[in-house]
N, C-alpha and C. Protein backbone atom coordinates (compact mmCIF):
# COMPACT_ATOMS: atom_id res chain seq x y z
N MET A 1 119.51 63.82 52.32
CA MET A 1 118.98 65.04 51.71
C MET A 1 117.49 64.83 51.50
N ASP A 2 116.69 65.64 52.14
CA ASP A 2 115.26 65.39 52.11
C ASP A 2 114.51 66.69 52.26
N THR A 3 113.32 66.67 51.68
CA THR A 3 112.48 67.83 51.92
C THR A 3 111.16 67.41 52.57
N GLY A 4 110.67 66.32 52.80
CA GLY A 4 110.41 64.99 52.49
C GLY A 4 110.75 64.49 51.14
N GLY A 5 111.72 64.41 50.53
CA GLY A 5 111.90 63.64 49.35
C GLY A 5 113.28 63.18 49.16
N LYS A 6 113.85 62.47 50.09
CA LYS A 6 115.17 61.90 49.84
C LYS A 6 114.99 60.68 48.98
N ARG A 7 115.72 60.58 47.89
CA ARG A 7 115.65 59.40 47.06
C ARG A 7 116.93 58.63 47.23
N ALA A 8 116.83 57.32 47.42
CA ALA A 8 118.00 56.50 47.65
C ALA A 8 118.04 55.40 46.61
N TYR A 9 119.22 55.12 46.11
CA TYR A 9 119.38 54.09 45.11
C TYR A 9 120.49 53.15 45.51
N ASP A 10 120.32 51.84 45.23
CA ASP A 10 121.26 50.85 45.72
C ASP A 10 121.41 49.74 44.71
N ALA A 11 122.50 48.97 44.81
CA ALA A 11 122.76 47.88 43.87
C ALA A 11 122.57 46.54 44.55
N GLU A 12 121.41 46.32 45.09
CA GLU A 12 121.02 45.05 45.69
C GLU A 12 121.95 44.64 46.82
N GLY A 13 122.58 45.60 47.46
CA GLY A 13 123.41 45.31 48.60
C GLY A 13 124.72 44.62 48.27
N ALA A 14 125.10 44.58 47.02
CA ALA A 14 126.32 43.89 46.65
C ALA A 14 127.55 44.66 47.09
N ALA A 15 128.63 43.93 47.37
CA ALA A 15 129.88 44.59 47.69
C ALA A 15 130.36 45.36 46.48
N VAL A 16 131.04 46.47 46.71
CA VAL A 16 131.45 47.32 45.60
C VAL A 16 132.95 47.25 45.43
N SER A 17 133.40 47.52 44.21
CA SER A 17 134.83 47.51 43.91
C SER A 17 135.42 48.87 44.26
N LEU A 18 136.72 49.02 44.08
CA LEU A 18 137.35 50.30 44.34
C LEU A 18 136.70 51.37 43.49
N PRO A 19 136.44 52.54 44.03
CA PRO A 19 135.69 53.56 43.31
C PRO A 19 136.49 54.14 42.15
N SER A 20 135.74 54.46 41.09
CA SER A 20 136.34 55.14 39.94
C SER A 20 136.51 56.62 40.27
N ARG A 21 137.09 57.37 39.35
CA ARG A 21 137.26 58.80 39.56
C ARG A 21 135.91 59.48 39.76
N GLU A 22 134.90 59.09 38.96
CA GLU A 22 133.58 59.69 39.11
C GLU A 22 132.99 59.39 40.47
N CYS A 23 133.15 58.13 40.94
CA CYS A 23 132.58 57.77 42.23
C CYS A 23 133.30 58.46 43.37
N ARG A 24 134.62 58.56 43.29
CA ARG A 24 135.36 59.26 44.34
C ARG A 24 134.88 60.70 44.43
N PHE A 25 134.65 61.31 43.25
CA PHE A 25 134.16 62.70 43.24
C PHE A 25 132.82 62.78 43.95
N MET A 26 131.91 61.86 43.63
CA MET A 26 130.57 61.91 44.21
C MET A 26 130.61 61.64 45.71
N GLN A 27 131.48 60.72 46.15
CA GLN A 27 131.59 60.45 47.57
C GLN A 27 132.13 61.66 48.32
N GLN A 28 133.14 62.31 47.76
CA GLN A 28 133.71 63.50 48.39
C GLN A 28 132.68 64.62 48.43
N ALA A 29 131.94 64.78 47.33
CA ALA A 29 130.92 65.83 47.28
C ALA A 29 129.83 65.57 48.31
N ALA A 30 129.44 64.30 48.48
CA ALA A 30 128.41 63.97 49.46
C ALA A 30 128.86 64.33 50.87
N THR A 31 130.14 64.09 51.17
CA THR A 31 130.67 64.44 52.50
C THR A 31 130.60 65.94 52.73
N ARG A 32 130.96 66.72 51.71
CA ARG A 32 130.90 68.17 51.85
C ARG A 32 129.46 68.64 52.02
N ASP A 33 128.55 68.04 51.24
CA ASP A 33 127.17 68.48 51.25
C ASP A 33 126.47 68.19 52.58
N GLU A 34 126.93 67.17 53.32
CA GLU A 34 126.31 66.84 54.59
C GLU A 34 126.42 67.98 55.60
N LYS A 35 127.36 68.90 55.38
CA LYS A 35 127.56 70.01 56.30
C LYS A 35 126.62 71.17 56.01
N LEU A 36 125.89 71.10 54.92
CA LEU A 36 124.99 72.18 54.54
C LEU A 36 123.62 72.02 55.21
N ASP A 37 122.95 73.13 55.44
CA ASP A 37 121.60 73.12 55.99
C ASP A 37 120.62 72.90 54.85
N LEU A 38 120.37 71.63 54.52
CA LEU A 38 119.55 71.32 53.35
C LEU A 38 118.10 71.77 53.52
N ALA A 39 117.54 71.56 54.70
CA ALA A 39 116.16 72.00 54.94
C ALA A 39 116.04 73.51 54.82
N GLY A 40 117.04 74.23 55.33
CA GLY A 40 117.04 75.69 55.21
C GLY A 40 117.15 76.14 53.77
N MET A 41 117.96 75.42 52.97
CA MET A 41 118.10 75.75 51.55
C MET A 41 116.80 75.56 50.80
N VAL A 42 116.08 74.50 51.13
CA VAL A 42 114.78 74.27 50.48
C VAL A 42 113.80 75.38 50.84
N ALA A 43 113.80 75.78 52.10
CA ALA A 43 112.92 76.87 52.53
C ALA A 43 113.28 78.16 51.78
N ASP A 44 114.57 78.42 51.62
CA ASP A 44 115.00 79.61 50.87
C ASP A 44 114.52 79.55 49.43
N LEU A 45 114.67 78.39 48.80
CA LEU A 45 114.24 78.25 47.40
C LEU A 45 112.75 78.50 47.26
N ASN A 46 111.97 77.92 48.14
CA ASN A 46 110.51 78.12 48.06
C ASN A 46 110.14 79.58 48.27
N SER A 47 110.88 80.25 49.14
CA SER A 47 110.60 81.66 49.40
C SER A 47 111.02 82.54 48.21
N LEU A 48 112.18 82.22 47.63
CA LEU A 48 112.72 83.06 46.56
C LEU A 48 112.05 82.81 45.21
N LEU A 49 111.67 81.57 44.94
CA LEU A 49 111.20 81.21 43.60
C LEU A 49 109.73 80.79 43.55
N ARG A 50 109.07 80.67 44.70
CA ARG A 50 107.66 80.25 44.75
C ARG A 50 107.46 78.95 43.97
N LEU A 51 108.27 77.96 44.26
CA LEU A 51 108.25 76.71 43.50
C LEU A 51 106.94 75.96 43.69
N LYS A 52 106.49 75.32 42.61
CA LYS A 52 105.27 74.51 42.66
C LYS A 52 105.57 73.03 42.89
N THR A 53 106.83 72.64 42.70
CA THR A 53 107.23 71.25 42.85
C THR A 53 108.23 71.13 43.99
N THR A 54 108.11 70.08 44.77
CA THR A 54 108.99 69.87 45.91
C THR A 54 110.43 69.65 45.45
N VAL A 55 111.36 70.35 46.07
CA VAL A 55 112.78 70.12 45.80
C VAL A 55 113.19 68.82 46.49
N ILE A 56 113.87 67.94 45.77
CA ILE A 56 114.23 66.65 46.33
C ILE A 56 115.73 66.41 46.17
N GLY A 57 116.24 65.43 46.88
CA GLY A 57 117.65 65.08 46.80
C GLY A 57 117.83 63.62 46.46
N MET A 58 118.99 63.29 45.90
CA MET A 58 119.36 61.92 45.61
C MET A 58 120.58 61.55 46.44
N LYS A 59 120.56 60.35 46.99
CA LYS A 59 121.72 59.86 47.71
C LYS A 59 122.03 58.45 47.25
N MET A 60 123.31 58.14 47.15
CA MET A 60 123.74 56.84 46.65
C MET A 60 124.27 55.97 47.79
N PHE A 61 123.95 54.69 47.71
CA PHE A 61 124.37 53.75 48.73
C PHE A 61 125.08 52.55 48.10
N ALA A 62 126.02 52.00 48.83
CA ALA A 62 126.72 50.81 48.37
C ALA A 62 126.00 49.53 48.77
N ARG A 63 125.18 49.60 49.81
CA ARG A 63 124.50 48.42 50.31
C ARG A 63 123.02 48.73 50.60
N ALA A 64 122.17 47.72 50.37
CA ALA A 64 120.73 47.90 50.57
C ALA A 64 120.40 48.15 52.03
N ASP A 65 121.11 47.49 52.95
CA ASP A 65 120.76 47.67 54.35
C ASP A 65 121.04 49.09 54.83
N GLU A 66 122.04 49.76 54.26
CA GLU A 66 122.30 51.16 54.60
C GLU A 66 121.14 52.04 54.15
N MET A 67 120.66 51.76 52.96
CA MET A 67 119.54 52.52 52.42
C MET A 67 118.28 52.31 53.25
N GLU A 68 118.01 51.06 53.60
CA GLU A 68 116.78 50.72 54.30
C GLU A 68 116.77 51.20 55.75
N ALA A 69 117.93 51.65 56.24
CA ALA A 69 118.00 52.18 57.60
C ALA A 69 117.49 53.61 57.71
N ILE A 70 117.21 54.24 56.58
CA ILE A 70 116.70 55.62 56.59
C ILE A 70 115.30 55.63 57.19
N PRO A 71 115.02 56.50 58.16
CA PRO A 71 113.69 56.55 58.78
C PRO A 71 112.59 56.82 57.76
N LYS A 72 111.50 56.10 57.88
CA LYS A 72 110.29 56.27 57.07
C LYS A 72 110.52 56.04 55.58
N ILE A 73 111.56 55.32 55.22
CA ILE A 73 111.80 55.04 53.81
C ILE A 73 110.72 54.12 53.26
N ARG A 74 110.31 54.36 52.04
CA ARG A 74 109.33 53.53 51.36
C ARG A 74 110.03 52.69 50.31
N ARG A 75 109.63 51.42 50.21
CA ARG A 75 110.15 50.53 49.19
C ARG A 75 109.04 50.18 48.22
N PRO A 76 109.27 50.23 46.92
CA PRO A 76 108.21 49.94 45.96
C PRO A 76 107.67 48.53 46.11
N THR A 77 106.39 48.37 45.82
CA THR A 77 105.76 47.05 45.80
C THR A 77 105.43 46.63 44.37
N ALA A 78 105.76 47.47 43.40
CA ALA A 78 105.53 47.18 41.99
C ALA A 78 106.79 47.57 41.22
N VAL A 79 106.80 47.33 39.93
CA VAL A 79 107.93 47.69 39.07
C VAL A 79 107.67 49.06 38.44
N HIS A 80 108.68 49.92 38.45
CA HIS A 80 108.50 51.30 38.00
C HIS A 80 109.63 51.73 37.07
N THR A 81 109.41 52.88 36.43
CA THR A 81 110.51 53.59 35.77
C THR A 81 111.16 54.49 36.82
N THR A 82 112.39 54.90 36.54
CA THR A 82 113.04 55.85 37.45
C THR A 82 112.24 57.15 37.53
N ASP A 83 111.61 57.53 36.43
CA ASP A 83 110.82 58.76 36.39
C ASP A 83 109.69 58.71 37.42
N GLN A 84 109.07 57.55 37.58
CA GLN A 84 108.00 57.42 38.57
C GLN A 84 108.53 57.56 39.99
N ILE A 85 109.70 56.97 40.24
CA ILE A 85 110.30 57.06 41.57
C ILE A 85 110.61 58.52 41.91
N VAL A 86 111.17 59.23 40.93
CA VAL A 86 111.48 60.64 41.13
C VAL A 86 110.21 61.43 41.47
N SER A 87 109.14 61.15 40.76
CA SER A 87 107.90 61.91 40.99
C SER A 87 107.22 61.53 42.29
N MET A 88 107.42 60.30 42.77
CA MET A 88 106.91 59.94 44.09
C MET A 88 107.50 60.86 45.15
N ALA A 89 108.78 61.20 44.96
CA ALA A 89 109.43 62.11 45.90
C ALA A 89 108.99 63.55 45.68
N SER A 90 109.03 64.02 44.43
CA SER A 90 108.77 65.44 44.16
C SER A 90 107.30 65.80 44.21
N ARG A 91 106.40 64.87 43.86
CA ARG A 91 104.97 65.19 43.84
C ARG A 91 104.27 64.79 45.14
N LEU A 92 104.75 63.71 45.77
CA LEU A 92 104.07 63.19 46.95
C LEU A 92 104.84 63.43 48.24
N GLY A 93 106.11 63.85 48.12
CA GLY A 93 106.91 64.11 49.30
C GLY A 93 107.41 62.87 50.01
N TRP A 94 107.51 61.75 49.28
CA TRP A 94 107.94 60.50 49.89
C TRP A 94 109.45 60.36 49.88
N THR A 95 109.96 59.59 50.82
CA THR A 95 111.35 59.14 50.81
C THR A 95 111.35 57.73 50.26
N VAL A 96 111.91 57.53 49.07
CA VAL A 96 111.80 56.25 48.36
C VAL A 96 113.19 55.68 48.11
N GLY A 97 113.35 54.40 48.40
CA GLY A 97 114.60 53.71 48.12
C GLY A 97 114.37 52.57 47.15
N ILE A 98 115.24 52.43 46.17
CA ILE A 98 115.07 51.40 45.15
C ILE A 98 116.35 50.61 44.94
N THR A 99 116.18 49.39 44.42
CA THR A 99 117.28 48.58 43.92
C THR A 99 116.99 48.30 42.45
N ALA A 100 117.89 47.60 41.80
CA ALA A 100 117.71 47.29 40.37
C ALA A 100 116.41 46.52 40.13
N ASP A 101 116.02 45.65 41.07
CA ASP A 101 114.82 44.84 40.89
C ASP A 101 113.54 45.67 40.85
N ASP A 102 113.59 46.89 41.35
CA ASP A 102 112.40 47.74 41.37
C ASP A 102 112.18 48.47 40.05
N LEU A 103 113.15 48.42 39.15
CA LEU A 103 113.09 49.19 37.91
C LEU A 103 112.79 48.30 36.72
N VAL A 104 112.09 48.88 35.73
CA VAL A 104 111.73 48.14 34.54
C VAL A 104 112.85 48.24 33.49
N GLY A 105 113.37 47.12 33.07
CA GLY A 105 114.29 47.10 31.95
C GLY A 105 115.68 47.61 32.22
N ALA A 106 116.57 47.30 31.27
CA ALA A 106 117.98 47.64 31.41
C ALA A 106 118.24 49.13 31.29
N GLN A 107 117.39 49.87 30.56
CA GLN A 107 117.67 51.28 30.33
C GLN A 107 117.63 52.07 31.65
N CYS A 108 116.55 51.91 32.41
CA CYS A 108 116.45 52.61 33.69
C CYS A 108 117.59 52.19 34.62
N ARG A 109 117.90 50.92 34.63
CA ARG A 109 118.93 50.43 35.55
C ARG A 109 120.32 50.90 35.17
N ALA A 110 120.64 50.80 33.88
CA ALA A 110 122.01 51.11 33.44
C ALA A 110 122.34 52.59 33.56
N VAL A 111 121.37 53.46 33.28
CA VAL A 111 121.64 54.89 33.33
C VAL A 111 122.07 55.33 34.73
N ILE A 112 121.51 54.69 35.76
CA ILE A 112 121.86 55.09 37.11
C ILE A 112 122.86 54.13 37.78
N GLY A 113 123.52 53.31 36.98
CA GLY A 113 124.59 52.47 37.49
C GLY A 113 124.17 51.19 38.14
N LEU A 114 122.91 50.77 37.98
CA LEU A 114 122.42 49.55 38.60
C LEU A 114 122.46 48.36 37.66
N ALA A 115 122.96 48.53 36.46
CA ALA A 115 123.15 47.44 35.50
C ALA A 115 124.30 47.86 34.59
N PRO A 116 124.97 46.89 33.98
CA PRO A 116 126.14 47.22 33.15
C PRO A 116 125.77 47.95 31.87
N GLN A 117 126.63 48.88 31.48
CA GLN A 117 126.49 49.52 30.17
C GLN A 117 127.31 48.69 29.17
N ASP A 118 126.84 47.45 28.95
CA ASP A 118 127.59 46.50 28.14
C ASP A 118 127.25 46.64 26.66
N GLU A 119 127.79 45.74 25.84
CA GLU A 119 127.59 45.82 24.40
C GLU A 119 126.13 45.72 24.01
N LYS A 120 125.39 44.84 24.67
CA LYS A 120 123.96 44.71 24.37
C LYS A 120 123.22 46.00 24.67
N TRP A 121 123.55 46.62 25.81
CA TRP A 121 122.90 47.88 26.16
C TRP A 121 123.29 48.99 25.19
N LEU A 122 124.56 49.05 24.85
CA LEU A 122 125.03 50.09 23.93
C LEU A 122 124.41 49.96 22.54
N ALA A 123 124.08 48.74 22.14
CA ALA A 123 123.50 48.53 20.80
C ALA A 123 122.13 49.18 20.70
N GLY A 124 121.38 49.22 21.79
CA GLY A 124 120.06 49.87 21.78
C GLY A 124 119.07 49.28 20.80
N GLN A 125 119.13 47.97 20.60
CA GLN A 125 118.31 47.34 19.59
C GLN A 125 116.81 47.51 19.84
N SER A 126 116.42 47.61 21.11
CA SER A 126 115.00 47.76 21.43
C SER A 126 114.41 49.05 20.90
N TYR A 127 115.26 50.02 20.61
CA TYR A 127 114.78 51.35 20.20
C TYR A 127 114.73 51.53 18.69
N VAL A 128 115.25 50.56 17.95
CA VAL A 128 115.20 50.62 16.49
C VAL A 128 113.75 50.43 16.05
N GLY A 129 113.26 51.36 15.23
CA GLY A 129 111.88 51.30 14.78
C GLY A 129 110.91 51.94 15.75
N VAL A 130 111.40 52.37 16.92
CA VAL A 130 110.55 53.07 17.88
C VAL A 130 110.99 54.53 17.97
N TRP A 131 112.19 54.74 18.48
CA TRP A 131 112.75 56.08 18.59
C TRP A 131 113.74 56.39 17.49
N HIS A 132 114.29 55.36 16.86
CA HIS A 132 115.33 55.57 15.85
C HIS A 132 115.04 54.73 14.61
N GLU A 133 115.43 55.27 13.47
CA GLU A 133 115.17 54.59 12.20
C GLU A 133 116.02 53.35 12.02
N ASN A 134 117.25 53.40 12.53
CA ASN A 134 118.16 52.27 12.29
C ASN A 134 119.04 52.02 13.50
N ALA A 135 119.79 50.91 13.44
CA ALA A 135 120.63 50.50 14.56
C ALA A 135 121.78 51.48 14.81
N GLU A 136 122.28 52.10 13.76
CA GLU A 136 123.38 53.05 13.92
C GLU A 136 122.96 54.25 14.77
N ASP A 137 121.77 54.79 14.48
CA ASP A 137 121.30 55.93 15.25
C ASP A 137 120.99 55.54 16.70
N ALA A 138 120.43 54.35 16.88
CA ALA A 138 120.14 53.89 18.24
C ALA A 138 121.41 53.77 19.06
N ARG A 139 122.45 53.24 18.47
CA ARG A 139 123.72 53.10 19.19
C ARG A 139 124.32 54.45 19.52
N LYS A 140 124.24 55.38 18.60
CA LYS A 140 124.80 56.70 18.84
C LYS A 140 124.12 57.36 20.05
N ARG A 141 122.80 57.16 20.13
CA ARG A 141 122.08 57.73 21.26
C ARG A 141 122.55 57.12 22.57
N GLN A 142 122.67 55.79 22.59
CA GLN A 142 123.09 55.12 23.81
C GLN A 142 124.50 55.56 24.24
N GLU A 143 125.38 55.66 23.28
CA GLU A 143 126.76 56.04 23.58
C GLU A 143 126.87 57.48 24.07
N ALA A 144 125.90 58.32 23.69
CA ALA A 144 125.95 59.74 24.07
C ALA A 144 125.39 60.00 25.47
N LEU A 145 124.74 59.01 26.07
CA LEU A 145 124.11 59.21 27.38
C LEU A 145 125.17 59.35 28.48
N ASP A 146 124.91 60.27 29.41
CA ASP A 146 125.73 60.36 30.62
C ASP A 146 125.16 59.37 31.63
N VAL A 147 126.02 58.46 32.10
CA VAL A 147 125.55 57.41 32.99
C VAL A 147 126.45 57.32 34.22
N VAL A 148 125.88 56.79 35.30
CA VAL A 148 126.64 56.52 36.51
C VAL A 148 127.38 55.20 36.33
N PRO A 149 128.66 55.10 36.68
CA PRO A 149 129.40 53.85 36.52
C PRO A 149 128.72 52.69 37.24
N HIS A 150 128.72 51.53 36.61
CA HIS A 150 128.06 50.36 37.18
C HIS A 150 128.91 49.69 38.25
N GLY A 151 128.25 49.28 39.34
CA GLY A 151 128.88 48.44 40.34
C GLY A 151 129.92 49.12 41.20
N GLN A 152 129.94 50.45 41.23
CA GLN A 152 130.97 51.14 42.00
C GLN A 152 130.38 52.10 43.01
N CYS A 153 129.41 52.86 42.60
CA CYS A 153 128.63 53.65 43.55
C CYS A 153 127.23 53.75 42.98
N GLU A 154 126.24 53.74 43.84
CA GLU A 154 124.89 53.49 43.36
C GLU A 154 123.93 54.63 43.64
N THR A 155 123.16 54.89 42.71
CA THR A 155 122.08 55.75 42.94
C THR A 155 121.00 55.23 42.14
N ALA A 156 119.19 58.01 39.65
CA ALA A 156 119.20 58.89 38.71
C ALA A 156 118.94 58.85 37.34
N CYS A 157 116.67 60.12 34.74
CA CYS A 157 117.11 59.60 33.45
C CYS A 157 118.30 60.44 33.05
N ALA A 158 118.86 60.22 32.10
CA ALA A 158 120.25 60.56 31.83
C ALA A 158 120.50 62.04 31.62
N ASP A 159 119.58 62.75 30.93
CA ASP A 159 119.86 64.12 30.54
C ASP A 159 120.14 65.02 31.74
N SER A 160 119.39 64.86 32.80
CA SER A 160 119.59 65.75 33.94
C SER A 160 120.26 65.05 35.10
N TRP A 161 119.61 64.06 35.69
CA TRP A 161 120.16 63.42 36.88
C TRP A 161 121.47 62.71 36.59
N GLY A 162 121.49 61.91 35.52
CA GLY A 162 122.70 61.15 35.22
C GLY A 162 123.90 62.03 34.97
N ARG A 163 123.71 63.11 34.24
CA ARG A 163 124.83 64.01 33.93
C ARG A 163 125.32 64.70 35.19
N ALA A 164 124.40 65.17 36.03
CA ALA A 164 124.80 65.84 37.26
C ALA A 164 125.51 64.89 38.21
N LEU A 165 125.02 63.66 38.31
CA LEU A 165 125.64 62.67 39.18
C LEU A 165 127.03 62.29 38.69
N LYS A 166 127.17 62.19 37.38
CA LYS A 166 128.45 61.77 36.81
C LYS A 166 129.50 62.87 36.90
N THR A 167 129.11 64.09 36.53
CA THR A 167 130.09 65.17 36.40
C THR A 167 130.16 66.10 37.60
N GLY A 168 129.09 66.13 38.40
CA GLY A 168 129.05 67.08 39.50
C GLY A 168 128.67 68.48 39.09
N GLU A 169 128.39 68.68 37.80
CA GLU A 169 128.05 70.00 37.29
C GLU A 169 126.53 70.16 37.18
N PRO A 170 126.03 71.39 37.31
CA PRO A 170 124.59 71.62 37.15
C PRO A 170 124.12 71.17 35.78
N SER A 171 122.90 70.65 35.73
CA SER A 171 122.36 70.14 34.47
C SER A 171 120.91 70.59 34.34
N LEU A 172 120.57 71.17 33.20
CA LEU A 172 119.21 71.61 32.89
C LEU A 172 118.75 70.92 31.63
N SER A 173 117.55 70.35 31.66
CA SER A 173 117.10 69.61 30.47
C SER A 173 115.59 69.71 30.30
N LEU A 174 115.15 69.46 29.07
CA LEU A 174 113.73 69.28 28.78
C LEU A 174 113.34 67.87 29.19
N PRO A 175 112.24 67.70 29.91
CA PRO A 175 111.83 66.35 30.30
C PRO A 175 111.60 65.46 29.08
N CYS A 176 111.99 64.19 29.20
CA CYS A 176 111.81 63.26 28.10
C CYS A 176 110.38 62.71 28.09
N TYR A 177 110.08 61.89 27.10
CA TYR A 177 108.75 61.30 26.96
C TYR A 177 108.35 60.53 28.22
N ALA A 178 109.26 59.70 28.72
CA ALA A 178 108.95 58.87 29.89
C ALA A 178 108.71 59.73 31.13
N GLU A 179 109.47 60.81 31.26
CA GLU A 179 109.29 61.69 32.41
C GLU A 179 107.91 62.34 32.39
N ARG A 180 107.43 62.66 31.18
CA ARG A 180 106.10 63.26 31.06
C ARG A 180 105.01 62.19 31.19
N ARG A 181 105.17 61.04 30.50
CA ARG A 181 104.13 60.01 30.51
C ARG A 181 104.06 59.26 31.83
N TYR A 182 105.20 58.82 32.33
CA TYR A 182 105.20 57.99 33.54
C TYR A 182 105.50 58.79 34.81
N GLY A 183 106.29 59.84 34.67
CA GLY A 183 106.62 60.64 35.83
C GLY A 183 105.67 61.79 36.09
N GLY A 184 104.74 62.03 35.14
CA GLY A 184 103.74 63.06 35.34
C GLY A 184 104.26 64.48 35.32
N VAL A 185 105.41 64.71 34.67
CA VAL A 185 105.97 66.06 34.61
C VAL A 185 105.12 66.92 33.67
N PRO A 186 104.59 68.05 34.13
CA PRO A 186 103.74 68.91 33.28
C PRO A 186 104.52 69.53 32.12
N ASP A 187 103.79 69.94 31.11
CA ASP A 187 104.40 70.51 29.90
C ASP A 187 105.24 71.74 30.20
N GLU A 188 104.84 72.52 31.19
CA GLU A 188 105.53 73.80 31.44
C GLU A 188 106.79 73.64 32.29
N GLU A 189 107.09 72.43 32.76
CA GLU A 189 108.23 72.26 33.64
C GLU A 189 109.48 71.77 32.91
N MET A 190 110.63 72.18 33.42
CA MET A 190 111.92 71.65 32.99
C MET A 190 112.56 70.96 34.19
N LEU A 191 113.65 70.26 33.95
CA LEU A 191 114.33 69.54 35.02
C LEU A 191 115.71 70.14 35.26
N MET A 192 116.02 70.39 36.51
CA MET A 192 117.35 70.87 36.88
C MET A 192 117.90 69.98 37.98
N ALA A 193 119.14 69.57 37.81
CA ALA A 193 119.82 68.77 38.83
C ALA A 193 121.17 69.43 39.11
N LEU A 194 121.49 69.60 40.38
CA LEU A 194 122.77 70.19 40.76
C LEU A 194 123.10 69.79 42.18
N SER A 195 124.35 69.93 42.54
CA SER A 195 124.79 69.55 43.87
C SER A 195 124.32 70.58 44.89
N PRO A 196 124.16 70.19 46.15
CA PRO A 196 123.81 71.17 47.19
C PRO A 196 124.79 72.32 47.27
N GLY A 197 126.08 72.06 46.99
CA GLY A 197 127.06 73.14 47.01
C GLY A 197 126.77 74.21 45.98
N HIS A 198 126.43 73.77 44.76
CA HIS A 198 126.05 74.73 43.71
C HIS A 198 124.75 75.44 44.08
N LEU A 199 123.85 74.70 44.71
CA LEU A 199 122.56 75.29 45.09
C LEU A 199 122.76 76.39 46.12
N ALA A 200 123.64 76.17 47.07
CA ALA A 200 123.91 77.19 48.08
C ALA A 200 124.44 78.47 47.43
N LYS A 201 125.30 78.32 46.44
CA LYS A 201 125.84 79.48 45.74
C LYS A 201 124.74 80.22 44.99
N ALA A 202 123.84 79.46 44.35
CA ALA A 202 122.73 80.08 43.61
C ALA A 202 121.80 80.84 44.55
N ILE A 203 121.54 80.28 45.72
CA ILE A 203 120.66 80.94 46.69
C ILE A 203 121.28 82.25 47.16
N THR A 204 122.58 82.26 47.39
CA THR A 204 123.25 83.50 47.79
C THR A 204 123.05 84.57 46.73
N GLY A 205 123.19 84.18 45.46
CA GLY A 205 123.00 85.13 44.37
C GLY A 205 121.57 85.62 44.27
N MET A 206 120.61 84.70 44.44
CA MET A 206 119.21 85.10 44.35
C MET A 206 118.81 86.03 45.49
N LYS A 207 119.38 85.82 46.67
CA LYS A 207 119.10 86.72 47.79
C LYS A 207 119.63 88.12 47.51
N ALA A 208 120.80 88.20 46.88
CA ALA A 208 121.36 89.50 46.52
C ALA A 208 120.48 90.21 45.51
N LEU A 209 120.00 89.46 44.51
CA LEU A 209 119.10 90.05 43.52
C LEU A 209 117.80 90.52 44.16
N SER A 210 117.29 89.71 45.10
CA SER A 210 116.06 90.09 45.78
C SER A 210 116.22 91.40 46.54
N ASN A 211 117.38 91.57 47.17
CA ASN A 211 117.65 92.82 47.88
C ASN A 211 117.70 94.02 46.94
N ASN A 212 118.00 93.75 45.67
CA ASN A 212 118.03 94.81 44.66
C ASN A 212 116.67 95.02 43.99
N GLY A 213 115.65 94.32 44.48
CA GLY A 213 114.31 94.48 43.93
C GLY A 213 113.98 93.54 42.79
N LEU A 214 114.89 92.62 42.45
CA LEU A 214 114.67 91.68 41.36
C LEU A 214 114.28 90.35 41.97
N ARG A 215 112.96 90.12 42.10
CA ARG A 215 112.50 88.94 42.83
C ARG A 215 111.21 88.41 42.23
N TYR A 216 110.85 87.19 42.66
CA TYR A 216 109.58 86.58 42.31
C TYR A 216 108.54 86.91 43.37
N PRO A 217 107.25 86.98 43.01
CA PRO A 217 106.77 86.92 41.62
C PRO A 217 107.07 88.20 40.87
N ILE A 218 107.30 88.08 39.57
CA ILE A 218 107.61 89.23 38.74
C ILE A 218 106.31 89.92 38.33
N ALA A 219 106.15 91.16 38.72
CA ALA A 219 104.93 91.90 38.39
C ALA A 219 104.97 92.36 36.94
N PRO A 220 103.96 92.02 36.13
CA PRO A 220 103.92 92.48 34.74
C PRO A 220 103.88 94.00 34.67
N TYR A 221 104.67 94.58 33.79
CA TYR A 221 104.76 96.03 33.70
C TYR A 221 103.81 96.60 32.66
N GLY A 222 103.56 95.83 31.62
CA GLY A 222 102.69 96.32 30.54
C GLY A 222 103.49 96.54 29.27
N ILE A 223 103.07 95.90 28.17
CA ILE A 223 103.87 95.95 26.94
C ILE A 223 103.79 97.29 26.23
N GLN A 224 102.82 98.14 26.58
CA GLN A 224 102.70 99.44 25.94
C GLN A 224 103.07 100.60 26.87
N SER A 225 103.53 100.28 28.07
CA SER A 225 103.86 101.33 29.02
C SER A 225 105.23 101.94 28.73
N ASP A 226 105.43 103.15 29.15
CA ASP A 226 106.73 103.81 29.03
C ASP A 226 107.71 103.10 29.97
N VAL A 227 108.76 102.54 29.42
CA VAL A 227 109.66 101.69 30.19
C VAL A 227 110.54 102.47 31.16
N ARG A 228 110.68 103.76 30.96
CA ARG A 228 111.65 104.54 31.74
C ARG A 228 111.34 104.55 33.23
N ALA A 229 110.07 104.61 33.58
CA ALA A 229 109.72 104.64 34.99
C ALA A 229 110.09 103.33 35.68
N GLY A 230 109.80 102.23 35.02
CA GLY A 230 110.11 100.94 35.60
C GLY A 230 111.60 100.69 35.71
N MET A 231 112.34 100.96 34.66
CA MET A 231 113.79 100.72 34.69
C MET A 231 114.51 101.72 35.58
N GLY A 232 113.89 102.87 35.76
CA GLY A 232 114.51 103.87 36.61
C GLY A 232 114.65 103.42 38.05
N VAL A 233 113.76 102.52 38.49
CA VAL A 233 113.84 102.01 39.87
C VAL A 233 115.14 101.24 40.08
N SER A 234 115.51 100.45 39.07
CA SER A 234 116.70 99.61 39.22
C SER A 234 117.98 100.37 38.85
N TYR A 235 117.88 101.28 37.90
CA TYR A 235 119.08 101.89 37.35
C TYR A 235 119.19 103.39 37.62
N ALA A 236 118.44 103.90 38.60
CA ALA A 236 118.43 105.34 38.85
C ALA A 236 119.80 105.86 39.20
N ARG A 237 120.62 105.05 39.87
CA ARG A 237 121.95 105.51 40.30
C ARG A 237 123.05 105.21 39.29
N LYS A 238 122.67 104.68 38.14
CA LYS A 238 123.68 104.29 37.14
C LYS A 238 123.99 105.44 36.18
């Protein structure tokens, strides 16, 4: 899945165990999504929504050599947050592949399934006195995160990418501090993650709305104008 921005994630090429229910779902979804015209969908989105940021895709690999076989894939030469990797794809149009060694700390790795969500990670001790007042609150935050299972299928910070990868459902979130500071996400942007199948359905709906005259860019009507003329265009036959 690329726009130029296919993102690939891997677990250092290690052999994987039998897939969990979440991983089986993601593998099945990936097979279905391969049949979709992803480049055409991106073109439709840009036409319908006038997007300022490149639409990108995430793909999960069980082995590093599978990931590295992708044409023109870039491998990091420094240590990054996942947010930076995402923005390399969405802001620069790169195809980037990473392993656990490319990411800083257990938080980035564990959220996307490249490190265990073990007791030490769940305790969240590093965040006490930074993001949380006490250890109890830090643990509650860690336990509430949607994460990709470790060591079973590999790819994704938690609010948007992790939830969508885990559940297969669309996810909309406000960018976190790291996404803004390290990923360069502007103040006016939000993050949405969804499967190509859901995206195809949304595009069909947006095309129908466009045919009804409800499309981007939205022309300002005027806050003091008589609304009847404007609404009459859409609802004249109602």
